[in-house]
């Protein structure tokens, strides 16, 4: 049986890299899009030992012609749209970039596939931020009303409604995953966990003495990225397209995460090093996020593979030792 072709848009990022490795190991021909193959950062591929296994292709995701040419070359059975802006904080500074790189690129992909081949299966990643403020007594499920608070979340919500519209209007296989925060050693440098670990290392090396952060009281559902890409794969292997929340079902405060990171680093009490910086507080911050992943647990038999404390241990071991 011939190998199936898979196209990952945004293949060099955290999720794209782990998904690329997963699919290579499962025997797929994996094509990864990047803006420019000649200048692509392959560090993540090299860390995962797959830099020789991925077929890179230059693609402009907002350009209809560019996507058509890519589809003609790859002839994919599945497409995973993991490209676009990923920072909530940056989306307040660059709202046009958020909408363009997330929502408009999703629309362009859906239209391109509709014209090219509606049999191609599509995965569209959305975010737990789509649901806005959530309480422990009423965690979000797949039918919870959207209440996005940032340009990033608004863009993700728009992507969801576009995906749902195309799925229902044209009978296309388009599945959506509402992913909670998920971490790994490949996490981008601008994310809070990467920033904290990077600066803890600088403190340990006596290069800085303080770490500046914004709101420490936020509560999030933090997962492990390699486990989340397994969830994405299972969503695409489901018999029919659907929407799934991908989360651990357990939420913790940033305060608690920082406390554990400092303890495991050997620096002791984090309060000796943390300074609050109001400039890092977002204009419209979601204070708490609680999610209910029971649907994906029951239908796809997927659960987060490691608990929160184990994840912190893995991050500290990888980044500091």
Protein backbone atom coordinates (compact mmCIF):
# COMPACT_ATOMS: atom_id res chain seq x y z
CA UNK A 1 0.00 0.00 0.00
CA UNK A 2 1.37 3.41 -0.99
CA UNK A 3 2.25 5.82 1.79
CA UNK A 4 -0.19 8.64 2.41
CA UNK A 5 0.94 12.24 2.00
CA UNK A 6 0.48 14.74 4.78
CA UNK A 7 0.97 18.50 4.61
CA UNK A 8 1.72 20.42 7.82
CA UNK A 9 1.39 24.18 7.52
CA UNK A 10 3.75 25.73 10.05
CA UNK A 11 5.79 22.56 10.40
CA UNK A 12 8.84 24.03 12.11
CA UNK A 13 7.06 25.28 15.25
CA UNK A 14 6.58 23.32 18.47
CA UNK A 15 3.41 21.47 17.49
CA UNK A 16 4.39 21.10 13.85
CA UNK A 17 7.72 19.53 14.78
CA UNK A 18 6.28 17.01 17.22
CA UNK A 19 3.47 16.18 14.80
CA UNK A 20 6.00 15.73 12.00
CA UNK A 21 7.93 13.21 14.10
CA UNK A 22 4.75 11.35 15.05
CA UNK A 23 3.62 11.07 11.44
CA UNK A 24 7.07 10.06 10.16
CA UNK A 25 7.11 7.29 12.76
CA UNK A 26 3.67 6.17 11.57
CA UNK A 27 4.91 5.85 7.99
CA UNK A 28 3.49 8.95 6.31
CA UNK A 29 5.24 11.05 3.69
CA UNK A 30 5.43 14.33 5.59
CA UNK A 31 5.60 17.66 3.79
CA UNK A 32 6.17 20.75 5.89
CA UNK A 33 5.41 24.26 4.72
CA UNK A 34 7.49 27.26 5.66
CA UNK A 35 7.60 30.78 4.29
CA UNK A 36 11.03 30.25 2.75
CA UNK A 37 12.79 26.88 2.67
CA UNK A 38 16.17 28.56 2.21
CA UNK A 39 15.91 30.47 5.50
CA UNK A 40 13.82 28.01 7.52
CA UNK A 41 14.87 27.35 11.11
CA UNK A 42 15.34 23.60 11.36
CA UNK A 43 16.50 23.52 14.99
CA UNK A 44 13.39 21.72 16.22
CA UNK A 45 13.66 19.08 13.49
CA UNK A 46 17.32 18.54 14.36
CA UNK A 47 16.54 18.19 18.07
CA UNK A 48 13.97 15.53 17.24
CA UNK A 49 16.26 13.81 14.72
CA UNK A 50 13.93 14.23 11.76
CA UNK A 51 15.62 16.99 9.76
CA UNK A 52 16.36 14.52 6.93
CA UNK A 53 12.87 13.02 7.01
CA UNK A 54 10.70 16.07 6.24
CA UNK A 55 10.04 17.39 2.73
CA UNK A 56 10.07 21.17 3.14
CA UNK A 57 8.18 23.36 0.72
CA UNK A 58 7.91 27.15 0.52
CA UNK A 59 4.28 28.25 0.92
CA UNK A 60 2.54 31.54 1.55
CA UNK A 61 -0.57 30.49 3.44
CA UNK A 62 -2.53 33.65 2.63
CA UNK A 63 -1.86 33.39 -1.10
CA UNK A 64 -4.42 31.29 -2.99
CA UNK A 65 -2.07 30.60 -5.88
CA UNK A 66 0.78 29.58 -3.58
CA UNK A 67 -1.46 27.10 -1.74
CA UNK A 68 -2.82 25.67 -5.00
CA UNK A 69 0.73 25.08 -6.25
CA UNK A 70 1.63 23.41 -2.96
CA UNK A 71 -1.42 21.11 -3.12
CA UNK A 72 -0.63 20.21 -6.73
CA UNK A 73 2.90 19.24 -5.72
CA UNK A 74 2.08 17.38 -2.50
CA UNK A 75 -1.36 15.92 -3.32
CA UNK A 76 -2.05 15.55 0.41
CA UNK A 77 -4.50 13.17 2.00
CA UNK A 78 -4.49 15.32 5.15
CA UNK A 79 -3.58 18.92 5.99
CA UNK A 80 -2.82 20.24 9.46
CA UNK A 81 -3.02 24.04 9.69
CA UNK A 82 -0.54 24.87 12.46
CA UNK A 83 0.76 28.14 11.01
CA UNK A 84 -0.03 31.67 12.13
CA UNK A 85 0.58 33.91 15.11
CA UNK A 86 0.58 32.05 18.42
CA UNK A 87 1.01 34.81 21.02
CA UNK A 88 -1.97 36.28 22.87
CA UNK A 89 0.09 39.18 24.17
CA UNK A 90 1.55 40.02 20.78
CA UNK A 91 -1.91 39.99 19.23
CA UNK A 92 -2.82 43.15 21.17
CA UNK A 93 0.20 44.87 19.60
CA UNK A 94 -0.35 43.41 16.13
CA UNK A 95 -4.10 42.74 15.78
CA UNK A 96 -4.07 42.91 11.97
CA UNK A 97 -1.31 40.30 11.87
CA UNK A 98 -3.36 38.03 14.16
CA UNK A 99 -6.49 38.17 12.04
CA UNK A 100 -4.54 37.84 8.81
CA UNK A 101 -2.27 34.98 9.84
CA UNK A 102 -4.97 33.00 11.68
CA UNK A 103 -8.50 33.71 10.43
CA UNK A 104 -7.78 34.84 6.87
CA UNK A 105 -5.26 32.04 6.32
CA UNK A 106 -7.88 29.54 7.51
CA UNK A 107 -10.40 30.95 5.03
CA UNK A 108 -7.82 30.80 2.25
CA UNK A 109 -7.00 27.17 3.09
CA UNK A 110 -10.66 26.15 3.18
CA UNK A 111 -11.40 27.83 -0.14
CA UNK A 112 -8.30 26.36 -1.76
CA UNK A 113 -9.15 22.83 -0.66
CA UNK A 114 -12.78 23.32 -1.76
CA UNK A 115 -11.57 24.17 -5.25
CA UNK A 116 -8.78 21.59 -5.36
CA UNK A 117 -10.16 18.45 -3.71
CA UNK A 118 -12.87 18.27 -1.06
CA UNK A 119 -11.73 14.75 -0.08
CA UNK A 120 -8.67 16.16 1.70
CA UNK A 121 -9.04 15.92 5.47
CA UNK A 122 -8.32 19.13 7.39
CA UNK A 123 -7.39 19.92 10.97
CA UNK A 124 -7.94 23.46 12.25
CA UNK A 125 -6.43 24.32 15.66
CA UNK A 126 -8.44 26.66 17.85
CA UNK A 127 -7.79 27.75 21.42
CA UNK A 128 -9.31 27.50 24.88
CA UNK A 129 -9.06 31.31 24.82
CA UNK A 130 -12.11 31.26 22.54
CA UNK A 131 -14.29 30.65 25.60
CA UNK A 132 -13.04 33.59 27.66
CA UNK A 133 -13.36 33.59 31.46
CA UNK A 134 -14.27 30.19 32.93
CA UNK A 135 -14.98 28.93 36.44
CA UNK A 136 -14.09 25.67 38.14
CA UNK A 137 -17.82 25.00 38.60
CA UNK A 138 -18.58 25.49 34.91
CA UNK A 139 -15.65 24.34 32.76
CA UNK A 140 -15.93 24.73 29.00
CA UNK A 141 -16.98 21.89 26.76
CA UNK A 142 -17.34 21.84 22.98
CA UNK A 143 -20.74 23.56 23.08
CA UNK A 144 -19.81 26.41 25.43
CA UNK A 145 -20.53 29.85 23.98
CA UNK A 146 -17.49 31.75 22.72
CA UNK A 147 -16.41 34.91 24.50
CA UNK A 148 -12.98 35.81 23.04
CA UNK A 149 -11.09 38.64 24.75
CA UNK A 150 -8.04 39.19 22.55
CA UNK A 151 -7.39 39.62 18.83
CA UNK A 152 -5.75 36.18 18.98
CA UNK A 153 -8.84 34.55 20.50
CA UNK A 154 -11.17 36.42 18.13
CA UNK A 155 -9.12 35.09 15.21
CA UNK A 156 -9.31 31.55 16.57
CA UNK A 157 -13.07 31.83 17.07
CA UNK A 158 -13.44 33.09 13.49
CA UNK A 159 -11.42 30.08 12.31
CA UNK A 160 -13.79 27.78 14.17
CA UNK A 161 -16.92 29.27 12.64
CA UNK A 162 -15.36 29.20 9.19
CA UNK A 163 -14.41 25.54 9.64
CA UNK A 164 -17.90 24.69 10.87
CA UNK A 165 -19.51 26.54 7.97
CA UNK A 166 -17.41 24.77 5.32
CA UNK A 167 -17.92 21.39 6.99
CA UNK A 168 -21.69 21.80 7.01
CA UNK A 169 -22.00 23.57 3.65
CA UNK A 170 -19.73 21.38 1.52
CA UNK A 171 -19.52 18.09 3.42
CA UNK A 172 -15.77 18.47 3.91
CA UNK A 173 -13.83 16.56 6.58
CA UNK A 174 -12.78 19.47 8.79
CA UNK A 175 -12.05 18.79 12.44
CA UNK A 176 -11.31 21.40 15.10
CA UNK A 177 -9.29 21.08 18.27
CA UNK A 178 -9.65 23.62 21.07
CA UNK A 179 -6.20 23.30 22.59
CA UNK A 180 -5.28 24.53 26.04
CA UNK A 181 -1.79 25.85 26.83
CA UNK A 182 0.76 23.13 26.13
CA UNK A 183 4.46 23.14 26.90
CA UNK A 184 7.68 21.39 25.90
CA UNK A 185 11.38 22.14 25.44
CA UNK A 186 10.47 23.30 21.92
CA UNK A 187 8.10 26.02 23.16
CA UNK A 188 8.70 29.42 21.53
CA UNK A 189 10.92 31.88 23.40
CA UNK A 190 8.18 34.49 23.79
CA UNK A 191 5.92 32.21 25.88
CA UNK A 192 5.90 32.70 29.63
CA UNK A 193 7.21 29.26 30.57
CA UNK A 194 10.16 29.58 28.18
CA UNK A 195 10.89 33.09 29.47
CA UNK A 196 10.85 31.94 33.10
CA UNK A 197 13.11 28.95 32.48
CA UNK A 198 15.51 31.02 30.39
CA UNK A 199 15.82 33.67 33.08
CA UNK A 200 16.09 31.14 35.90
CA UNK A 201 19.13 29.83 34.07
CA UNK A 202 20.54 33.36 33.87
CA UNK A 203 19.93 33.85 37.60
CA UNK A 204 21.71 30.57 38.38
CA UNK A 205 24.65 31.73 36.25
CA UNK A 206 24.74 35.08 38.11
CA UNK A 207 24.02 37.04 34.93
CA UNK A 208 20.80 38.60 36.25
CA UNK A 209 19.31 38.87 39.73
CA UNK A 210 15.62 39.53 39.03
CA UNK A 211 12.83 38.26 36.81
CA UNK A 212 10.08 40.66 35.69
CA UNK A 213 6.57 39.27 35.10
CA UNK A 214 2.99 40.51 34.84
CA UNK A 215 -0.06 38.88 36.44
CA UNK A 216 0.96 35.80 38.46
CA UNK A 217 -2.60 34.93 39.53
CA UNK A 218 -3.82 33.68 36.15
CA UNK A 219 -5.06 30.08 36.10
CA UNK A 220 -4.54 27.85 33.08
CA UNK A 221 -4.84 24.23 32.00
CA UNK A 222 -1.24 23.34 31.06
CA UNK A 223 -0.56 20.23 28.99
CA UNK A 224 2.38 18.44 27.41
CA UNK A 225 2.82 19.21 23.69
CA UNK A 226 3.98 15.74 22.51
CA UNK A 227 0.83 14.30 24.07
CA UNK A 228 -1.34 16.97 22.44
CA UNK A 229 -0.15 16.13 18.92
CA UNK A 230 -1.18 12.53 19.59
CA UNK A 231 -4.64 13.92 20.37
CA UNK A 232 -4.61 15.87 17.11
CA UNK A 233 -3.74 12.69 15.21
CA UNK A 234 -6.55 10.74 16.87
CA UNK A 235 -9.00 13.52 16.00
CA UNK A 236 -8.05 13.13 12.35
CA UNK A 237 -8.37 9.34 12.52
CA UNK A 238 -11.92 9.58 13.88
CA UNK A 239 -14.66 8.20 11.62
CA UNK A 240 -16.17 11.62 11.00
CA UNK A 241 -15.14 15.29 11.47
CA UNK A 242 -15.93 16.82 14.83
CA UNK A 243 -14.85 19.35 17.47
CA UNK A 244 -12.82 18.39 20.53
CA UNK A 245 -11.40 20.14 23.56
CA UNK A 246 -7.82 19.01 24.09
CA UNK A 247 -6.82 19.62 27.70
CA UNK A 248 -5.81 17.91 30.93
CA UNK A 249 -8.97 18.87 32.80
CA UNK A 250 -6.85 20.27 35.65
CA UNK A 251 -5.89 23.93 36.03
CA UNK A 252 -3.12 25.57 38.05
CA UNK A 253 -2.07 29.15 38.73
CA UNK A 254 1.02 30.69 37.19
CA UNK A 255 2.10 31.39 40.78
CA UNK A 256 2.14 27.67 41.52
CA UNK A 257 4.03 26.86 38.34
CA UNK A 258 6.70 29.46 39.15
CA UNK A 259 6.99 28.16 42.70
CA UNK A 260 7.68 24.65 41.41
CA UNK A 261 10.12 25.81 38.73
CA UNK A 262 12.20 27.72 41.27
CA UNK A 263 12.12 24.88 43.79
CA UNK A 264 13.32 22.34 41.24
CA UNK A 265 15.98 24.70 39.92
CA UNK A 266 17.54 24.86 43.38
CA UNK A 267 16.98 28.61 43.78
CA UNK A 268 14.40 28.23 46.54
CA UNK A 269 11.69 30.80 47.16
CA UNK A 270 10.73 32.51 43.90
CA UNK A 271 9.58 35.62 45.77
CA UNK A 272 13.22 36.50 46.32
CA UNK A 273 13.64 36.99 42.58
CA UNK A 274 10.29 37.97 41.01
CA UNK A 275 9.40 41.60 40.37
CA UNK A 276 6.01 42.63 39.01
CA UNK A 277 5.94 44.68 35.83
CA UNK A 278 2.59 46.24 34.92
CA UNK A 279 3.69 46.76 31.33
CA UNK A 280 3.55 42.98 30.86
CA UNK A 281 -0.11 42.76 31.90
CA UNK A 282 -2.40 42.30 28.90
CA UNK A 283 -5.19 44.84 28.25
CA UNK A 284 -7.95 42.25 28.69
CA UNK A 285 -6.56 39.22 30.49
CA UNK A 286 -8.49 36.00 31.04
CA UNK A 287 -8.07 35.33 34.75
CA UNK A 288 -9.05 31.66 34.85
CA UNK A 289 -9.47 28.80 32.39
CA UNK A 290 -11.14 25.52 33.28
CA UNK A 291 -11.86 22.88 30.64
CA UNK A 292 -13.75 19.61 30.33
CA UNK A 293 -12.00 17.08 28.04
CA UNK A 294 -14.47 14.25 28.68
CA UNK A 295 -15.53 14.05 25.02
CA UNK A 296 -12.06 13.27 23.67
CA UNK A 297 -11.41 10.95 26.61
CA UNK A 298 -14.55 8.91 25.93
CA UNK A 299 -14.69 8.95 22.11
CA UNK A 300 -10.97 8.81 21.26
CA UNK A 301 -9.56 7.26 24.44
CA UNK A 302 -7.05 10.10 24.79
CA UNK A 303 -5.73 11.52 28.06
CA UNK A 304 -2.79 13.68 29.02
CA UNK A 305 0.09 11.22 29.46
CA UNK A 306 1.90 12.99 32.32
CA UNK A 307 0.64 15.05 35.25
CA UNK A 308 1.45 18.71 35.90
CA UNK A 309 4.29 18.09 38.36
CA UNK A 310 5.93 15.54 36.05
CA UNK A 311 5.73 18.03 33.20
CA UNK A 312 7.49 20.67 35.32
CA UNK A 313 10.20 18.15 36.18
CA UNK A 314 10.73 17.35 32.50
CA UNK A 315 10.97 21.03 31.55
CA UNK A 316 13.47 21.83 34.30
CA UNK A 317 15.60 18.77 33.50
CA UNK A 318 15.67 19.62 29.81
CA UNK A 319 16.25 23.36 30.11
CA UNK A 320 18.51 23.67 33.18
CA UNK A 321 20.53 20.48 33.45
